[in-house]
Amino acid sequence: MPNGWKKRLYKLIVAALLAAMSIILSILKIDLTESIRISFAYLPIMLAGAILGPGWGAAVGALGDFLGWLVKPVGTYFPPIATTSMLAGAIPGLVFWALKRRSLPLKSILSAALVQVLGSLFLQAFWLHLLYGSPYPALLVARLPVALGMTPVFCALLYVLLRALYRAKIDQRLS
């Protein structure tokens, strides 16, 4: 079991691996329109928040967003969009911290639903409204089917991956 600096180094390595996974998944996205895409890039960020905590999750989100843009730039870099990625890591961290004694399925569902609805739907639509000048209500309506469709997918994937990580006792090495 890692102690002190070894535990911090272990967390840094796990965070770096999850950020790298996020970057790879952001490259493998499916662009439906300029403002609507299907991507699993938030999944490693959400995992980081759930197993490392909200601060680490936010850092993985910010790093993954910026480096993902550097690897495959699409348009100009718009820093406020990184806050959505940061929230994708912080929200699961906060949910898992606040609901410590609750079941893993409940924490996974709540985390994924909040990230998809607050982040992918409302906040991301707002940033795209500011960036492109598209009407905010129109962006919400256009993004709603993808956000609603991806929510159960993210819930299931987050639960399955976290259950596997808990069985591998990775959380004991990080706490």
C-alpha atoms as a PDB file:
ATOM      1  CA  MET A   1       0.000   0.000   0.000  1.00  0.00           C
ATOM      2  CA  PRO A   2       1.607   3.323  -1.070  1.00  0.00           C
ATOM      3  CA  ASN A   3       2.305   5.911   1.623  1.00  0.00           C
ATOM      4  CA  GLY A   4       2.986   9.676   1.516  1.00  0.00           C
ATOM      5  CA  TRP A   5       4.822  10.675  -1.614  1.00  0.00           C
ATOM      6  CA  LYS A   6       4.329   7.223  -3.139  1.00  0.00           C
ATOM      7  CA  LYS A   7       0.559   7.623  -2.841  1.00  0.00           C
ATOM      8  CA  ARG A   8       0.702  11.070  -4.485  1.00  0.00           C
ATOM      9  CA  LEU A   9       2.907   9.695  -7.268  1.00  0.00           C
ATOM     10  CA  TYR A  10       0.479   6.794  -7.764  1.00  0.00           C
ATOM     11  CA  LYS A  11      -2.438   9.259  -8.000  1.00  0.00           C
ATOM     12  CA  LEU A  12      -0.484  11.381 -10.485  1.00  0.00           C
ATOM     13  CA  ILE A  13       0.203   8.339 -12.670  1.00  0.00           C
ATOM     14  CA  VAL A  14      -3.448   7.239 -12.576  1.00  0.00           C
ATOM     15  CA  ALA A  15      -4.554  10.818 -13.390  1.00  0.00           C
ATOM     16  CA  ALA A  16      -2.110  11.021 -16.301  1.00  0.00           C
ATOM     17  CA  LEU A  17      -3.332   7.697 -17.711  1.00  0.00           C
ATOM     18  CA  LEU A  18      -6.961   8.792 -17.434  1.00  0.00           C
ATOM     19  CA  ALA A  19      -6.141  12.138 -19.091  1.00  0.00           C
ATOM     20  CA  ALA A  20      -4.416  10.262 -21.928  1.00  0.00           C
ATOM     21  CA  MET A  21      -7.483   8.023 -22.318  1.00  0.00           C
ATOM     22  CA  SER A  22      -9.675  11.122 -22.457  1.00  0.00           C
ATOM     23  CA  ILE A  23      -7.497  12.620 -25.191  1.00  0.00           C
ATOM     24  CA  ILE A  24      -7.680   9.426 -27.255  1.00  0.00           C
ATOM     25  CA  LEU A  25     -11.446   9.229 -26.827  1.00  0.00           C
ATOM     26  CA  SER A  26     -11.837  12.906 -27.774  1.00  0.00           C
ATOM     27  CA  ILE A  27     -10.089  12.177 -31.066  1.00  0.00           C
ATOM     28  CA  LEU A  28     -12.456   9.248 -31.718  1.00  0.00           C
ATOM     29  CA  LYS A  29     -15.584  11.388 -31.478  1.00  0.00           C
ATOM     30  CA  ILE A  30     -18.440  11.397 -33.974  1.00  0.00           C
ATOM     31  CA  ASP A  31     -19.411  14.895 -35.112  1.00  0.00           C
ATOM     32  CA  LEU A  32     -23.096  15.026 -35.996  1.00  0.00           C
ATOM     33  CA  THR A  33     -23.096  18.810 -36.503  1.00  0.00           C
ATOM     34  CA  GLU A  34     -20.854  21.702 -35.522  1.00  0.00           C
ATOM     35  CA  SER A  35     -22.422  21.820 -32.067  1.00  0.00           C
ATOM     36  CA  ILE A  36     -23.473  18.186 -31.552  1.00  0.00           C
ATOM     37  CA  ARG A  37     -21.072  15.283 -31.166  1.00  0.00           C
ATOM     38  CA  ILE A  38     -20.993  11.849 -29.650  1.00  0.00           C
ATOM     39  CA  SER A  39     -17.896  11.289 -27.554  1.00  0.00           C
ATOM     40  CA  PHE A  40     -16.810   9.167 -24.611  1.00  0.00           C
ATOM     41  CA  ALA A  41     -14.039  11.574 -23.609  1.00  0.00           C
ATOM     42  CA  TYR A  42     -15.839  12.420 -20.350  1.00  0.00           C
ATOM     43  CA  LEU A  43     -15.758   8.808 -19.154  1.00  0.00           C
ATOM     44  CA  PRO A  44     -12.092   8.738 -18.003  1.00  0.00           C
ATOM     45  CA  ILE A  45     -12.571  12.223 -16.531  1.00  0.00           C
ATOM     46  CA  MET A  46     -15.581  10.995 -14.555  1.00  0.00           C
ATOM     47  CA  LEU A  47     -13.580   7.968 -13.411  1.00  0.00           C
ATOM     48  CA  ALA A  48     -10.820  10.284 -12.199  1.00  0.00           C
ATOM     49  CA  GLY A  49     -13.289  12.266 -10.142  1.00  0.00           C
ATOM     50  CA  ALA A  50     -14.913   9.152  -8.694  1.00  0.00           C
ATOM     51  CA  ILE A  51     -11.706   7.378  -7.658  1.00  0.00           C
ATOM     52  CA  LEU A  52      -9.278  10.274  -7.086  1.00  0.00           C
ATOM     53  CA  GLY A  53     -11.611  13.014  -5.859  1.00  0.00           C
ATOM     54  CA  PRO A  54     -13.072  16.242  -7.244  1.00  0.00           C
ATOM     55  CA  GLY A  55      -9.787  18.168  -7.453  1.00  0.00           C
ATOM     56  CA  TRP A  56      -7.994  15.467  -9.374  1.00  0.00           C
ATOM     57  CA  GLY A  57     -11.057  14.937 -11.558  1.00  0.00           C
ATOM     58  CA  ALA A  58     -11.181  18.640 -12.433  1.00  0.00           C
ATOM     59  CA  ALA A  59      -7.447  18.632 -13.204  1.00  0.00           C
ATOM     60  CA  VAL A  60      -7.802  15.587 -15.478  1.00  0.00           C
ATOM     61  CA  GLY A  61     -10.711  17.327 -17.224  1.00  0.00           C
ATOM     62  CA  ALA A  62      -8.765  20.543 -17.808  1.00  0.00           C
ATOM     63  CA  LEU A  63      -5.649  18.703 -18.967  1.00  0.00           C
ATOM     64  CA  GLY A  64      -7.584  16.325 -21.208  1.00  0.00           C
ATOM     65  CA  ASP A  65      -9.518  19.183 -22.803  1.00  0.00           C
ATOM     66  CA  PHE A  66      -6.473  21.326 -23.547  1.00  0.00           C
ATOM     67  CA  LEU A  67      -4.159  18.535 -24.693  1.00  0.00           C
ATOM     68  CA  GLY A  68      -6.976  16.991 -26.738  1.00  0.00           C
ATOM     69  CA  TRP A  69      -7.321  20.304 -28.558  1.00  0.00           C
ATOM     70  CA  LEU A  70      -3.524  20.479 -29.074  1.00  0.00           C
ATOM     71  CA  VAL A  71      -3.436  16.983 -30.546  1.00  0.00           C
ATOM     72  CA  LYS A  72      -6.379  17.578 -32.883  1.00  0.00           C
ATOM     73  CA  PRO A  73      -7.322  21.267 -32.984  1.00  0.00           C
ATOM     74  CA  VAL A  74     -10.818  22.078 -34.177  1.00  0.00           C
ATOM     75  CA  GLY A  75     -11.315  25.824 -34.500  1.00  0.00           C
ATOM     76  CA  THR A  76      -9.891  28.173 -31.906  1.00  0.00           C
ATOM     77  CA  TYR A  77      -9.359  27.059 -28.331  1.00  0.00           C
ATOM     78  CA  PHE A  78     -12.156  28.454 -26.154  1.00  0.00           C
ATOM     79  CA  PRO A  79     -11.087  28.136 -22.485  1.00  0.00           C
ATOM     80  CA  PRO A  80     -14.607  28.322 -20.969  1.00  0.00           C
ATOM     81  CA  ILE A  81     -15.391  24.985 -22.625  1.00  0.00           C
ATOM     82  CA  ALA A  82     -12.672  23.481 -20.425  1.00  0.00           C
ATOM     83  CA  THR A  83     -14.835  24.282 -17.396  1.00  0.00           C
ATOM     84  CA  THR A  84     -17.369  21.739 -18.639  1.00  0.00           C
ATOM     85  CA  SER A  85     -14.620  19.100 -18.753  1.00  0.00           C
ATOM     86  CA  MET A  86     -13.466  20.174 -15.308  1.00  0.00           C
ATOM     87  CA  LEU A  87     -17.010  19.784 -13.982  1.00  0.00           C
ATOM     88  CA  ALA A  88     -17.186  16.336 -15.585  1.00  0.00           C
ATOM     89  CA  GLY A  89     -14.414  15.341 -13.184  1.00  0.00           C
ATOM     90  CA  ALA A  90     -15.460  17.380 -10.161  1.00  0.00           C
ATOM     91  CA  ILE A  91     -19.135  16.348 -10.115  1.00  0.00           C
ATOM     92  CA  PRO A  92     -18.521  12.585  -9.695  1.00  0.00           C
ATOM     93  CA  GLY A  93     -15.886  13.357  -7.072  1.00  0.00           C
ATOM     94  CA  LEU A  94     -18.373  15.435  -5.112  1.00  0.00           C
ATOM     95  CA  VAL A  95     -21.169  12.895  -5.550  1.00  0.00           C
ATOM     96  CA  PHE A  96     -18.967  10.019  -4.395  1.00  0.00           C
ATOM     97  CA  TRP A  97     -17.725  12.076  -1.453  1.00  0.00           C
ATOM     98  CA  ALA A  98     -21.199  13.252  -0.404  1.00  0.00           C
ATOM     99  CA  LEU A  99     -22.801   9.818  -0.806  1.00  0.00           C
ATOM    100  CA  LYS A 100     -19.969   7.693   0.634  1.00  0.00           C
ATOM    101  CA  ARG A 101     -22.217   5.109   2.234  1.00  0.00           C
ATOM    102  CA  ARG A 102     -24.676   4.836  -0.666  1.00  0.00           C
ATOM    103  CA  SER A 103     -24.654   2.146  -3.327  1.00  0.00           C
ATOM    104  CA  LEU A 104     -22.347   2.267  -6.321  1.00  0.00           C
ATOM    105  CA  PRO A 105     -25.246   2.139  -8.833  1.00  0.00           C
ATOM    106  CA  LEU A 106     -26.873   5.207  -7.233  1.00  0.00           C
ATOM    107  CA  LYS A 107     -23.609   7.171  -7.227  1.00  0.00           C
ATOM    108  CA  SER A 108     -22.883   6.168 -10.836  1.00  0.00           C
ATOM    109  CA  ILE A 109     -26.352   7.121 -12.054  1.00  0.00           C
ATOM    110  CA  LEU A 110     -26.367  10.446 -10.227  1.00  0.00           C
ATOM    111  CA  SER A 111     -22.842  11.323 -11.389  1.00  0.00           C
ATOM    112  CA  ALA A 112     -23.447  10.490 -15.045  1.00  0.00           C
ATOM    113  CA  ALA A 113     -26.857  12.173 -15.125  1.00  0.00           C
ATOM    114  CA  LEU A 114     -25.542  15.396 -13.569  1.00  0.00           C
ATOM    115  CA  VAL A 115     -22.547  15.516 -15.917  1.00  0.00           C
ATOM    116  CA  GLN A 116     -24.706  14.910 -18.979  1.00  0.00           C
ATOM    117  CA  VAL A 117     -27.548  17.257 -18.079  1.00  0.00           C
ATOM    118  CA  LEU A 118     -25.662  20.099 -16.395  1.00  0.00           C
ATOM    119  CA  GLY A 119     -22.459  19.836 -18.405  1.00  0.00           C
ATOM    120  CA  SER A 120     -23.140  18.390 -21.836  1.00  0.00           C
ATOM    121  CA  LEU A 121     -26.589  19.872 -22.253  1.00  0.00           C
ATOM    122  CA  PHE A 122     -26.938  23.196 -20.445  1.00  0.00           C
ATOM    123  CA  LEU A 123     -23.384  24.444 -19.929  1.00  0.00           C
ATOM    124  CA  GLN A 124     -21.912  23.241 -23.217  1.00  0.00           C
ATOM    125  CA  ALA A 125     -24.867  24.751 -25.099  1.00  0.00           C
ATOM    126  CA  PHE A 126     -24.217  28.031 -23.328  1.00  0.00           C
ATOM    127  CA  TRP A 127     -20.522  28.039 -24.317  1.00  0.00           C
ATOM    128  CA  LEU A 128     -21.419  27.222 -27.915  1.00  0.00           C
ATOM    129  CA  HIS A 129     -23.994  30.023 -27.854  1.00  0.00           C
ATOM    130  CA  LEU A 130     -21.258  32.440 -26.761  1.00  0.00           C
ATOM    131  CA  LEU A 131     -18.723  31.074 -29.235  1.00  0.00           C
ATOM    132  CA  TYR A 132     -20.866  30.840 -32.366  1.00  0.00           C
ATOM    133  CA  GLY A 133     -23.796  33.138 -31.554  1.00  0.00           C
ATOM    134  CA  SER A 134     -26.363  30.395 -32.132  1.00  0.00           C
ATOM    135  CA  PRO A 135     -29.619  30.814 -30.199  1.00  0.00           C
ATOM    136  CA  TYR A 136     -29.353  29.100 -26.813  1.00  0.00           C
ATOM    137  CA  PRO A 137     -32.858  27.529 -26.903  1.00  0.00           C
ATOM    138  CA  ALA A 138     -32.171  26.072 -30.352  1.00  0.00           C
ATOM    139  CA  LEU A 139     -28.892  24.572 -29.115  1.00  0.00           C
ATOM    140  CA  LEU A 140     -30.677  23.038 -26.126  1.00  0.00           C
ATOM    141  CA  VAL A 141     -33.316  21.451 -28.319  1.00  0.00           C
ATOM    142  CA  ALA A 142     -30.701  20.154 -30.759  1.00  0.00           C
ATOM    143  CA  ARG A 143     -28.460  18.736 -28.013  1.00  0.00           C
ATOM    144  CA  LEU A 144     -31.267  17.225 -25.917  1.00  0.00           C
ATOM    145  CA  PRO A 145     -31.641  13.871 -27.772  1.00  0.00           C
ATOM    146  CA  VAL A 146     -27.910  13.156 -27.623  1.00  0.00           C
ATOM    147  CA  ALA A 147     -27.660  14.122 -23.940  1.00  0.00           C
ATOM    148  CA  LEU A 148     -30.679  11.994 -23.026  1.00  0.00           C
ATOM    149  CA  GLY A 149     -29.461   9.093 -25.128  1.00  0.00           C
ATOM    150  CA  MET A 150     -25.923   9.163 -23.764  1.00  0.00           C
ATOM    151  CA  THR A 151     -26.972   9.433 -20.106  1.00  0.00           C
ATOM    152  CA  PRO A 152     -27.880   5.744 -19.627  1.00  0.00           C
ATOM    153  CA  VAL A 153     -24.807   4.732 -21.612  1.00  0.00           C
ATOM    154  CA  PHE A 154     -22.535   6.771 -19.332  1.00  0.00           C
ATOM    155  CA  CYS A 155     -24.384   5.466 -16.239  1.00  0.00           C
ATOM    156  CA  ALA A 156     -23.807   1.854 -17.272  1.00  0.00           C
ATOM    157  CA  LEU A 157     -20.191   2.329 -18.373  1.00  0.00           C
ATOM    158  CA  LEU A 158     -19.266   4.287 -15.250  1.00  0.00           C
ATOM    159  CA  TYR A 159     -20.828   1.637 -13.014  1.00  0.00           C
ATOM    160  CA  VAL A 160     -19.192  -1.297 -14.804  1.00  0.00           C
ATOM    161  CA  LEU A 161     -15.745   0.311 -14.869  1.00  0.00           C
ATOM    162  CA  LEU A 162     -15.883   1.433 -11.240  1.00  0.00           C
ATOM    163  CA  ARG A 163     -17.052  -1.990 -10.119  1.00  0.00           C
ATOM    164  CA  ALA A 164     -14.101  -3.557 -11.930  1.00  0.00           C
ATOM    165  CA  LEU A 165     -11.695  -1.038 -10.383  1.00  0.00           C
ATOM    166  CA  TYR A 166     -13.108  -1.669  -6.900  1.00  0.00           C
ATOM    167  CA  ARG A 167     -12.749  -5.409  -7.387  1.00  0.00           C
ATOM    168  CA  ALA A 168      -9.124  -4.819  -8.371  1.00  0.00           C
ATOM    169  CA  LYS A 169      -8.833  -2.837  -5.100  1.00  0.00           C
ATOM    170  CA  ILE A 170      -7.476   0.227  -6.895  1.00  0.00           C
ATOM    171  CA  ASP A 171      -9.391   2.497  -4.528  1.00  0.00           C
ATOM    172  CA  GLN A 172      -7.436   1.090  -1.552  1.00  0.00           C
ATOM    173  CA  ARG A 173      -4.150   2.097  -3.183  1.00  0.00           C
ATOM    174  CA  LEU A 174      -5.415   5.657  -3.692  1.00  0.00           C
ATOM    175  CA  SER A 175      -6.968   6.363  -0.281  1.00  0.00           C
END
